[in-house]
Amino acid sequence: MNISKIIKTEHHTRGCVFSIEAENNTIIQILFLHHSLERIEQWEINSEKIIETLIYPEEVMVGHRNRYIAHRRYGSHIVSAVYEYEEEMPVLITVYYPYLEKYYKGGNIYEDKIFKRS
């Protein structure tokens, strides 16, 4: 499993910017919109699982409005994180926690990778 560490969070008018240290001491900033923060609380998912899903997904597909959907399995569920980019910064739009069989396509599909962009 890949390890990431939240090194800083900053208030933003649209939510919260997480600064994350990933592999090889690479720093990645991701804006979590207020809506996504509400969904994280609603689904009772910790931020580390969301970050792991975004940076080290098992699959990423293109969704509505050309947004990306990152998936990572956790037991019988998947974290489904919907994001897009504003300039070069990833922006987390929303999060779901559905059952695995509903959306998971089997892995190894990568329409995008945040970590590889950094």
C-alpha atoms as a PDB file:
ATOM      1  CA  MET A   1       0.000   0.000   0.000  1.00  0.00           C
ATOM      2  CA  ASN A   2       1.228   3.470  -0.802  1.00  0.00           C
ATOM      3  CA  ILE A   3       1.564   5.948   2.032  1.00  0.00           C
ATOM      4  CA  SER A   4       0.644   9.617   1.866  1.00  0.00           C
ATOM      5  CA  LYS A   5       0.756  12.126   4.680  1.00  0.00           C
ATOM      6  CA  ILE A   6      -1.338  15.264   5.125  1.00  0.00           C
ATOM      7  CA  ILE A   7       1.209  17.938   5.938  1.00  0.00           C
ATOM      8  CA  LYS A   8      -1.072  20.974   5.967  1.00  0.00           C
ATOM      9  CA  THR A   9      -4.672  22.080   5.475  1.00  0.00           C
ATOM     10  CA  GLU A  10      -5.661  25.623   4.570  1.00  0.00           C
ATOM     11  CA  HIS A  11      -9.050  27.289   4.515  1.00  0.00           C
ATOM     12  CA  HIS A  12     -10.227  28.250   1.021  1.00  0.00           C
ATOM     13  CA  THR A  13     -13.366  30.210   0.129  1.00  0.00           C
ATOM     14  CA  ARG A  14     -14.664  27.105  -1.676  1.00  0.00           C
ATOM     15  CA  GLY A  15     -13.546  24.523   0.898  1.00  0.00           C
ATOM     16  CA  CYS A  16     -10.162  23.330   2.164  1.00  0.00           C
ATOM     17  CA  VAL A  17      -6.817  22.822   0.426  1.00  0.00           C
ATOM     18  CA  PHE A  18      -4.984  19.697   1.563  1.00  0.00           C
ATOM     19  CA  SER A  19      -1.220  19.618   1.040  1.00  0.00           C
ATOM     20  CA  ILE A  20      -0.143  16.000   0.819  1.00  0.00           C
ATOM     21  CA  GLU A  21       3.305  14.466   0.805  1.00  0.00           C
ATOM     22  CA  ALA A  22       3.304  11.465  -1.528  1.00  0.00           C
ATOM     23  CA  GLU A  23       6.027   9.181  -2.874  1.00  0.00           C
ATOM     24  CA  ASN A  24       9.527  10.612  -3.276  1.00  0.00           C
ATOM     25  CA  ASN A  25       8.572  13.604  -1.068  1.00  0.00           C
ATOM     26  CA  THR A  26       6.337  14.974  -3.842  1.00  0.00           C
ATOM     27  CA  ILE A  27       3.890  17.588  -2.520  1.00  0.00           C
ATOM     28  CA  ILE A  28       0.411  17.534  -4.052  1.00  0.00           C
ATOM     29  CA  GLN A  29      -2.288  20.094  -3.264  1.00  0.00           C
ATOM     30  CA  ILE A  30      -5.941  19.134  -3.649  1.00  0.00           C
ATOM     31  CA  LEU A  31      -8.904  21.445  -3.105  1.00  0.00           C
ATOM     32  CA  PHE A  32     -11.760  19.681  -1.311  1.00  0.00           C
ATOM     33  CA  LEU A  33     -14.942  21.652  -2.047  1.00  0.00           C
ATOM     34  CA  HIS A  34     -17.422  22.274   0.786  1.00  0.00           C
ATOM     35  CA  HIS A  35     -19.817  19.779  -0.836  1.00  0.00           C
ATOM     36  CA  SER A  36     -17.177  17.020  -0.832  1.00  0.00           C
ATOM     37  CA  LEU A  37     -16.354  17.728   2.831  1.00  0.00           C
ATOM     38  CA  GLU A  38     -20.057  17.385   3.670  1.00  0.00           C
ATOM     39  CA  ARG A  39     -20.232  14.069   1.815  1.00  0.00           C
ATOM     40  CA  ILE A  40     -17.109  12.776   3.573  1.00  0.00           C
ATOM     41  CA  GLU A  41     -18.805  13.530   6.890  1.00  0.00           C
ATOM     42  CA  GLN A  42     -22.114  12.042   5.708  1.00  0.00           C
ATOM     43  CA  TRP A  43     -20.476   8.779   4.600  1.00  0.00           C
ATOM     44  CA  GLU A  44     -18.196   8.774   7.688  1.00  0.00           C
ATOM     45  CA  ILE A  45     -15.073   8.231   5.580  1.00  0.00           C
ATOM     46  CA  ASN A  46     -11.752   9.513   6.847  1.00  0.00           C
ATOM     47  CA  SER A  47      -9.779  11.976   4.726  1.00  0.00           C
ATOM     48  CA  GLU A  48      -6.866   9.559   4.417  1.00  0.00           C
ATOM     49  CA  LYS A  49      -9.026   7.081   2.466  1.00  0.00           C
ATOM     50  CA  ILE A  50     -10.130   9.870   0.123  1.00  0.00           C
ATOM     51  CA  ILE A  51      -6.552  10.998  -0.440  1.00  0.00           C
ATOM     52  CA  GLU A  52      -5.404   7.427  -1.012  1.00  0.00           C
ATOM     53  CA  THR A  53      -8.214   6.982  -3.544  1.00  0.00           C
ATOM     54  CA  LEU A  54      -7.280  10.172  -5.386  1.00  0.00           C
ATOM     55  CA  ILE A  55      -3.507   9.671  -5.444  1.00  0.00           C
ATOM     56  CA  TYR A  56      -3.333   5.869  -5.692  1.00  0.00           C
ATOM     57  CA  PRO A  57      -6.597   4.793  -7.371  1.00  0.00           C
ATOM     58  CA  GLU A  58      -7.284   1.279  -8.564  1.00  0.00           C
ATOM     59  CA  GLU A  59      -9.142   2.731 -11.544  1.00  0.00           C
ATOM     60  CA  VAL A  60     -10.117   6.139 -12.920  1.00  0.00           C
ATOM     61  CA  MET A  61     -12.872   6.734 -15.463  1.00  0.00           C
ATOM     62  CA  VAL A  62     -14.227   9.798 -17.217  1.00  0.00           C
ATOM     63  CA  GLY A  63     -17.632  10.803 -15.877  1.00  0.00           C
ATOM     64  CA  HIS A  64     -20.208  13.498 -16.616  1.00  0.00           C
ATOM     65  CA  ARG A  65     -18.923  16.887 -17.770  1.00  0.00           C
ATOM     66  CA  ASN A  66     -15.503  15.311 -18.413  1.00  0.00           C
ATOM     67  CA  ARG A  67     -14.854  14.950 -14.698  1.00  0.00           C
ATOM     68  CA  TYR A  68     -12.836  12.015 -13.429  1.00  0.00           C
ATOM     69  CA  ILE A  69     -14.038   9.314 -11.050  1.00  0.00           C
ATOM     70  CA  ALA A  70     -11.356   7.575  -8.980  1.00  0.00           C
ATOM     71  CA  HIS A  71     -12.171   4.253  -7.294  1.00  0.00           C
ATOM     72  CA  ARG A  72     -10.440   2.300  -4.563  1.00  0.00           C
ATOM     73  CA  ARG A  73     -11.802  -0.815  -2.830  1.00  0.00           C
ATOM     74  CA  TYR A  74     -12.381  -1.011   0.914  1.00  0.00           C
ATOM     75  CA  GLY A  75     -14.036  -4.284   1.868  1.00  0.00           C
ATOM     76  CA  SER A  76     -17.394  -4.654   0.110  1.00  0.00           C
ATOM     77  CA  HIS A  77     -17.459  -0.940  -0.778  1.00  0.00           C
ATOM     78  CA  ILE A  78     -15.482   1.457  -2.922  1.00  0.00           C
ATOM     79  CA  VAL A  79     -14.597   5.053  -2.329  1.00  0.00           C
ATOM     80  CA  SER A  80     -15.733   6.857  -5.444  1.00  0.00           C
ATOM     81  CA  ALA A  81     -14.139  10.321  -5.648  1.00  0.00           C
ATOM     82  CA  VAL A  82     -15.295  12.709  -8.390  1.00  0.00           C
ATOM     83  CA  TYR A  83     -12.778  15.387  -9.323  1.00  0.00           C
ATOM     84  CA  GLU A  84     -11.692  17.830 -12.015  1.00  0.00           C
ATOM     85  CA  TYR A  85      -8.855  20.289 -12.467  1.00  0.00           C
ATOM     86  CA  GLU A  86      -8.762  24.051 -12.127  1.00  0.00           C
ATOM     87  CA  GLU A  87      -5.595  24.981 -13.915  1.00  0.00           C
ATOM     88  CA  GLU A  88      -3.259  22.303 -12.533  1.00  0.00           C
ATOM     89  CA  MET A  89      -4.883  21.806  -9.123  1.00  0.00           C
ATOM     90  CA  PRO A  90      -7.131  18.767  -8.599  1.00  0.00           C
ATOM     91  CA  VAL A  91     -10.524  19.762  -7.158  1.00  0.00           C
ATOM     92  CA  LEU A  92     -12.591  17.141  -5.309  1.00  0.00           C
ATOM     93  CA  ILE A  93     -16.240  17.692  -6.246  1.00  0.00           C
ATOM     94  CA  THR A  94     -17.996  14.912  -4.333  1.00  0.00           C
ATOM     95  CA  VAL A  95     -17.538  11.492  -2.755  1.00  0.00           C
ATOM     96  CA  TYR A  96     -19.674   8.340  -2.704  1.00  0.00           C
ATOM     97  CA  TYR A  97     -19.277   5.074  -0.811  1.00  0.00           C
ATOM     98  CA  PRO A  98     -21.288   2.550  -2.845  1.00  0.00           C
ATOM     99  CA  TYR A  99     -21.152  -1.214  -2.830  1.00  0.00           C
ATOM    100  CA  LEU A 100     -18.292  -2.571  -4.878  1.00  0.00           C
ATOM    101  CA  GLU A 101     -20.380  -4.392  -7.487  1.00  0.00           C
ATOM    102  CA  LYS A 102     -22.332  -1.283  -8.415  1.00  0.00           C
ATOM    103  CA  TYR A 103     -19.507   0.734 -10.024  1.00  0.00           C
ATOM    104  CA  TYR A 104     -16.166  -1.073  -9.822  1.00  0.00           C
ATOM    105  CA  LYS A 105     -15.004  -2.180 -13.277  1.00  0.00           C
ATOM    106  CA  GLY A 106     -12.208  -4.494 -12.168  1.00  0.00           C
ATOM    107  CA  GLY A 107      -9.271  -2.092 -11.852  1.00  0.00           C
ATOM    108  CA  ASN A 108      -6.383  -1.078 -14.097  1.00  0.00           C
ATOM    109  CA  ILE A 109      -8.380   1.503 -16.068  1.00  0.00           C
ATOM    110  CA  TYR A 110      -6.659   4.877 -15.878  1.00  0.00           C
ATOM    111  CA  GLU A 111      -8.144   7.807 -17.774  1.00  0.00           C
ATOM    112  CA  ASP A 112      -6.130  10.112 -15.479  1.00  0.00           C
ATOM    113  CA  LYS A 113      -3.673   9.946 -12.577  1.00  0.00           C
ATOM    114  CA  ILE A 114      -3.141  12.887 -10.217  1.00  0.00           C
ATOM    115  CA  PHE A 115       0.176  11.570  -8.895  1.00  0.00           C
ATOM    116  CA  LYS A 116       1.634  11.171 -12.390  1.00  0.00           C
ATOM    117  CA  ARG A 117       0.790  14.822 -13.194  1.00  0.00           C
ATOM    118  CA  SER A 118       2.831  16.142 -10.265  1.00  0.00           C
END
